[in-house]
Structure formats: structure tokens, C-alpha cells
Amino acid sequence: MTVLGSAAIIQSTDRDAAVRRYQALFGEPPLHQFPIVDRALNVAVFPGLSVLSGEPAALALLTDLRATVFVGSLRETEAELRLTGWTMEGPLGAGASLLARDPDGNLIEFVENQGEMQ
């Protein structure tokens, strides 16, 4: 498994306020913003930090989500995670994403990213 980077996850029910708060902290707007339509969530990506926002019920399903880890290959990552006791929970949204839970119960999203990370 090749880890290319990671980002901590911050959850908020007030997307606009959270984006303003972290924009002020980082001194720049989010690098990327996009919806996760299937889960009624939105993501705003800052350097090393992602703001996950939505209604309380949508966020409640991801209470244990701690971080996103960017990897070179989801297939290789999944195989290695299974060997070390992780449990696969499917994708977070459309695309090359995998939610996996470590033996301690922490939920991590793994995202395949063949390009270089910012």
C-alpha cells in the first residue's frame, strides 16, 4: 500500500459557518468542494483537513469517521487492510473510495488517487 497523504475529518451541521471558520484559519478558500449526493453530505477540502457537513442524521452514520487517507491503489490497500484485521464497510460515495474500520473501531476513508497530492 502506498500512502500519498491524509486529511483529518471535521464534521459540521452548518456548512457555511464551518467553511468561513476554516477559511479564516488557513487564510484561503477550500482547495476543493463537492457533494456526496448519495449521503446528502458536502465536503470542503483544506490542506490536511476536510469539513464534512450535512444534516445531523446524515452525519450520525459517520460519527466514527476520523480521516481520509489517499492511496495509490484501493485494491492493494483493501488486501493489506484485510490481512491486518480491518473490516470493510463499502464506499463513502461514488468513485474510488472505501470505508474501513480498524480493530479498535476507528473508521477511515481510503481514496484512490493516482496523481500527486497537494
C-alpha atoms as a PDB file:
ATOM      1  CA  MET A   1       0.000   0.000   0.000  1.00  0.00           C
ATOM      2  CA  THR A   2       1.314   3.426  -0.947  1.00  0.00           C
ATOM      3  CA  VAL A   3       0.013   6.300   1.196  1.00  0.00           C
ATOM      4  CA  LEU A   4       0.095   9.608  -0.676  1.00  0.00           C
ATOM      5  CA  GLY A   5      -1.364  11.835   2.037  1.00  0.00           C
ATOM      6  CA  SER A   6      -4.111  12.201   4.589  1.00  0.00           C
ATOM      7  CA  ALA A   7      -6.664  14.667   5.896  1.00  0.00           C
ATOM      8  CA  ALA A   8      -8.405  14.874   9.255  1.00  0.00           C
ATOM      9  CA  ILE A   9     -12.216  14.986   9.160  1.00  0.00           C
ATOM     10  CA  ILE A  10     -14.163  17.777  10.883  1.00  0.00           C
ATOM     11  CA  GLN A  11     -17.953  17.395  10.994  1.00  0.00           C
ATOM     12  CA  SER A  12     -20.423  20.283  10.996  1.00  0.00           C
ATOM     13  CA  THR A  13     -24.162  20.748  10.606  1.00  0.00           C
ATOM     14  CA  ASP A  14     -23.543  24.358   9.461  1.00  0.00           C
ATOM     15  CA  ARG A  15     -21.504  24.112   6.258  1.00  0.00           C
ATOM     16  CA  ASP A  16     -21.261  27.849   5.581  1.00  0.00           C
ATOM     17  CA  ALA A  17     -20.086  28.728   9.101  1.00  0.00           C
ATOM     18  CA  ALA A  18     -17.554  25.873   9.121  1.00  0.00           C
ATOM     19  CA  VAL A  19     -16.137  26.857   5.726  1.00  0.00           C
ATOM     20  CA  ARG A  20     -15.825  30.513   6.851  1.00  0.00           C
ATOM     21  CA  ARG A  21     -14.124  29.429  10.092  1.00  0.00           C
ATOM     22  CA  TYR A  22     -11.531  27.232   8.374  1.00  0.00           C
ATOM     23  CA  GLN A  23     -11.058  29.682   5.519  1.00  0.00           C
ATOM     24  CA  ALA A  24     -10.123  32.295   8.134  1.00  0.00           C
ATOM     25  CA  LEU A  25      -7.810  29.794   9.851  1.00  0.00           C
ATOM     26  CA  PHE A  26      -5.990  28.797   6.642  1.00  0.00           C
ATOM     27  CA  GLY A  27      -6.172  32.241   5.039  1.00  0.00           C
ATOM     28  CA  GLU A  28      -7.525  30.851   1.789  1.00  0.00           C
ATOM     29  CA  PRO A  29     -10.695  29.266   0.389  1.00  0.00           C
ATOM     30  CA  PRO A  30     -11.112  25.486   0.220  1.00  0.00           C
ATOM     31  CA  LEU A  31      -8.959  23.681  -2.332  1.00  0.00           C
ATOM     32  CA  HIS A  32     -11.994  21.653  -3.444  1.00  0.00           C
ATOM     33  CA  GLN A  33     -15.694  21.489  -2.599  1.00  0.00           C
ATOM     34  CA  PHE A  34     -18.097  18.758  -3.671  1.00  0.00           C
ATOM     35  CA  PRO A  35     -21.288  16.981  -2.623  1.00  0.00           C
ATOM     36  CA  ILE A  36     -21.643  13.323  -1.671  1.00  0.00           C
ATOM     37  CA  VAL A  37     -25.100  13.092  -3.188  1.00  0.00           C
ATOM     38  CA  ASP A  38     -25.934   9.531  -2.073  1.00  0.00           C
ATOM     39  CA  ARG A  39     -25.410  10.526   1.574  1.00  0.00           C
ATOM     40  CA  ALA A  40     -26.726  14.139   1.471  1.00  0.00           C
ATOM     41  CA  LEU A  41     -23.328  15.458   2.599  1.00  0.00           C
ATOM     42  CA  ASN A  42     -20.907  18.128   1.387  1.00  0.00           C
ATOM     43  CA  VAL A  43     -17.123  18.233   1.613  1.00  0.00           C
ATOM     44  CA  ALA A  44     -14.830  21.271   1.694  1.00  0.00           C
ATOM     45  CA  VAL A  45     -11.146  20.342   1.466  1.00  0.00           C
ATOM     46  CA  PHE A  46      -8.448  22.449   3.111  1.00  0.00           C
ATOM     47  CA  PRO A  47      -4.766  21.493   3.431  1.00  0.00           C
ATOM     48  CA  GLY A  48      -4.726  18.417   5.698  1.00  0.00           C
ATOM     49  CA  LEU A  49      -8.344  18.887   6.789  1.00  0.00           C
ATOM     50  CA  SER A  50     -11.757  18.151   5.276  1.00  0.00           C
ATOM     51  CA  VAL A  51     -15.019  19.642   6.524  1.00  0.00           C
ATOM     52  CA  LEU A  52     -17.834  17.104   6.196  1.00  0.00           C
ATOM     53  CA  SER A  53     -21.203  18.816   6.525  1.00  0.00           C
ATOM     54  CA  GLY A  54     -24.836  17.818   6.425  1.00  0.00           C
ATOM     55  CA  GLU A  55     -27.921  17.220   8.500  1.00  0.00           C
ATOM     56  CA  PRO A  56     -27.415  15.564  11.904  1.00  0.00           C
ATOM     57  CA  ALA A  57     -28.974  12.281  10.715  1.00  0.00           C
ATOM     58  CA  ALA A  58     -26.575  12.049   7.740  1.00  0.00           C
ATOM     59  CA  LEU A  59     -23.550  12.846   9.918  1.00  0.00           C
ATOM     60  CA  ALA A  60     -24.656  10.378  12.619  1.00  0.00           C
ATOM     61  CA  LEU A  61     -23.946   7.485  10.260  1.00  0.00           C
ATOM     62  CA  LEU A  62     -20.298   8.605  10.124  1.00  0.00           C
ATOM     63  CA  THR A  63     -19.683   9.553  13.760  1.00  0.00           C
ATOM     64  CA  ASP A  64     -16.602   7.304  13.892  1.00  0.00           C
ATOM     65  CA  LEU A  65     -15.030   8.713  10.698  1.00  0.00           C
ATOM     66  CA  ARG A  66     -11.605  10.035  11.676  1.00  0.00           C
ATOM     67  CA  ALA A  67      -9.667  10.764   8.472  1.00  0.00           C
ATOM     68  CA  THR A  68      -9.253  10.279   4.754  1.00  0.00           C
ATOM     69  CA  VAL A  69      -6.104   8.510   3.594  1.00  0.00           C
ATOM     70  CA  PHE A  70      -5.110   8.914  -0.060  1.00  0.00           C
ATOM     71  CA  VAL A  71      -3.566   5.776  -1.565  1.00  0.00           C
ATOM     72  CA  GLY A  72      -2.162   4.700  -4.908  1.00  0.00           C
ATOM     73  CA  SER A  73      -4.355   1.593  -5.247  1.00  0.00           C
ATOM     74  CA  LEU A  74      -7.575   0.714  -3.441  1.00  0.00           C
ATOM     75  CA  ARG A  75      -7.255  -2.925  -4.452  1.00  0.00           C
ATOM     76  CA  GLU A  76      -3.813  -3.245  -2.833  1.00  0.00           C
ATOM     77  CA  THR A  77      -4.930  -1.217   0.182  1.00  0.00           C
ATOM     78  CA  GLU A  78      -8.009  -3.364   0.765  1.00  0.00           C
ATOM     79  CA  ALA A  79      -5.965  -6.569   0.567  1.00  0.00           C
ATOM     80  CA  GLU A  80      -3.429  -5.273   3.093  1.00  0.00           C
ATOM     81  CA  LEU A  81      -6.118  -3.953   5.435  1.00  0.00           C
ATOM     82  CA  ARG A  82      -7.925  -7.315   5.434  1.00  0.00           C
ATOM     83  CA  LEU A  83      -4.667  -9.077   6.336  1.00  0.00           C
ATOM     84  CA  THR A  84      -4.241  -6.814   9.365  1.00  0.00           C
ATOM     85  CA  GLY A  85      -7.764  -7.182  10.775  1.00  0.00           C
ATOM     86  CA  TRP A  86      -9.668  -4.242   9.274  1.00  0.00           C
ATOM     87  CA  THR A  87     -13.361  -4.570   8.351  1.00  0.00           C
ATOM     88  CA  MET A  88     -14.552  -3.166   5.023  1.00  0.00           C
ATOM     89  CA  GLU A  89     -17.745  -1.067   5.082  1.00  0.00           C
ATOM     90  CA  GLY A  90     -18.100  -0.075   1.420  1.00  0.00           C
ATOM     91  CA  PRO A  91     -17.667   3.302  -0.291  1.00  0.00           C
ATOM     92  CA  LEU A  92     -18.388   6.709   1.205  1.00  0.00           C
ATOM     93  CA  GLY A  93     -19.702   7.999  -2.110  1.00  0.00           C
ATOM     94  CA  ALA A  94     -19.327   7.392  -5.814  1.00  0.00           C
ATOM     95  CA  GLY A  95     -15.823   6.934  -7.136  1.00  0.00           C
ATOM     96  CA  ALA A  96     -12.719   5.236  -5.835  1.00  0.00           C
ATOM     97  CA  SER A  97     -13.460   5.316  -2.104  1.00  0.00           C
ATOM     98  CA  LEU A  98     -13.518   2.691   0.651  1.00  0.00           C
ATOM     99  CA  LEU A  99     -14.605   2.978   4.268  1.00  0.00           C
ATOM    100  CA  ALA A 100     -12.751   0.597   6.574  1.00  0.00           C
ATOM    101  CA  ARG A 101     -12.818   0.105  10.342  1.00  0.00           C
ATOM    102  CA  ASP A 102      -9.685  -0.821  12.284  1.00  0.00           C
ATOM    103  CA  PRO A 103      -9.787  -3.389  15.098  1.00  0.00           C
ATOM    104  CA  ASP A 104     -10.240  -0.539  17.642  1.00  0.00           C
ATOM    105  CA  GLY A 105     -13.398   0.692  15.879  1.00  0.00           C
ATOM    106  CA  ASN A 106     -11.958   3.783  14.149  1.00  0.00           C
ATOM    107  CA  LEU A 107     -13.477   4.445  10.724  1.00  0.00           C
ATOM    108  CA  ILE A 108     -11.113   5.655   7.981  1.00  0.00           C
ATOM    109  CA  GLU A 109     -11.917   6.527   4.384  1.00  0.00           C
ATOM    110  CA  PHE A 110      -9.372   5.403   1.801  1.00  0.00           C
ATOM    111  CA  VAL A 111      -9.418   7.216  -1.550  1.00  0.00           C
ATOM    112  CA  GLU A 112      -7.514   6.120  -4.613  1.00  0.00           C
ATOM    113  CA  ASN A 113      -5.512   8.974  -6.084  1.00  0.00           C
ATOM    114  CA  GLN A 114      -3.126   8.176  -8.915  1.00  0.00           C
ATOM    115  CA  GLY A 115      -1.939  11.789  -9.174  1.00  0.00           C
ATOM    116  CA  GLU A 116       0.260  13.782  -6.839  1.00  0.00           C
ATOM    117  CA  MET A 117      -1.268  15.207  -3.676  1.00  0.00           C
ATOM    118  CA  GLN A 118      -1.274  18.937  -2.978  1.00  0.00           C
END
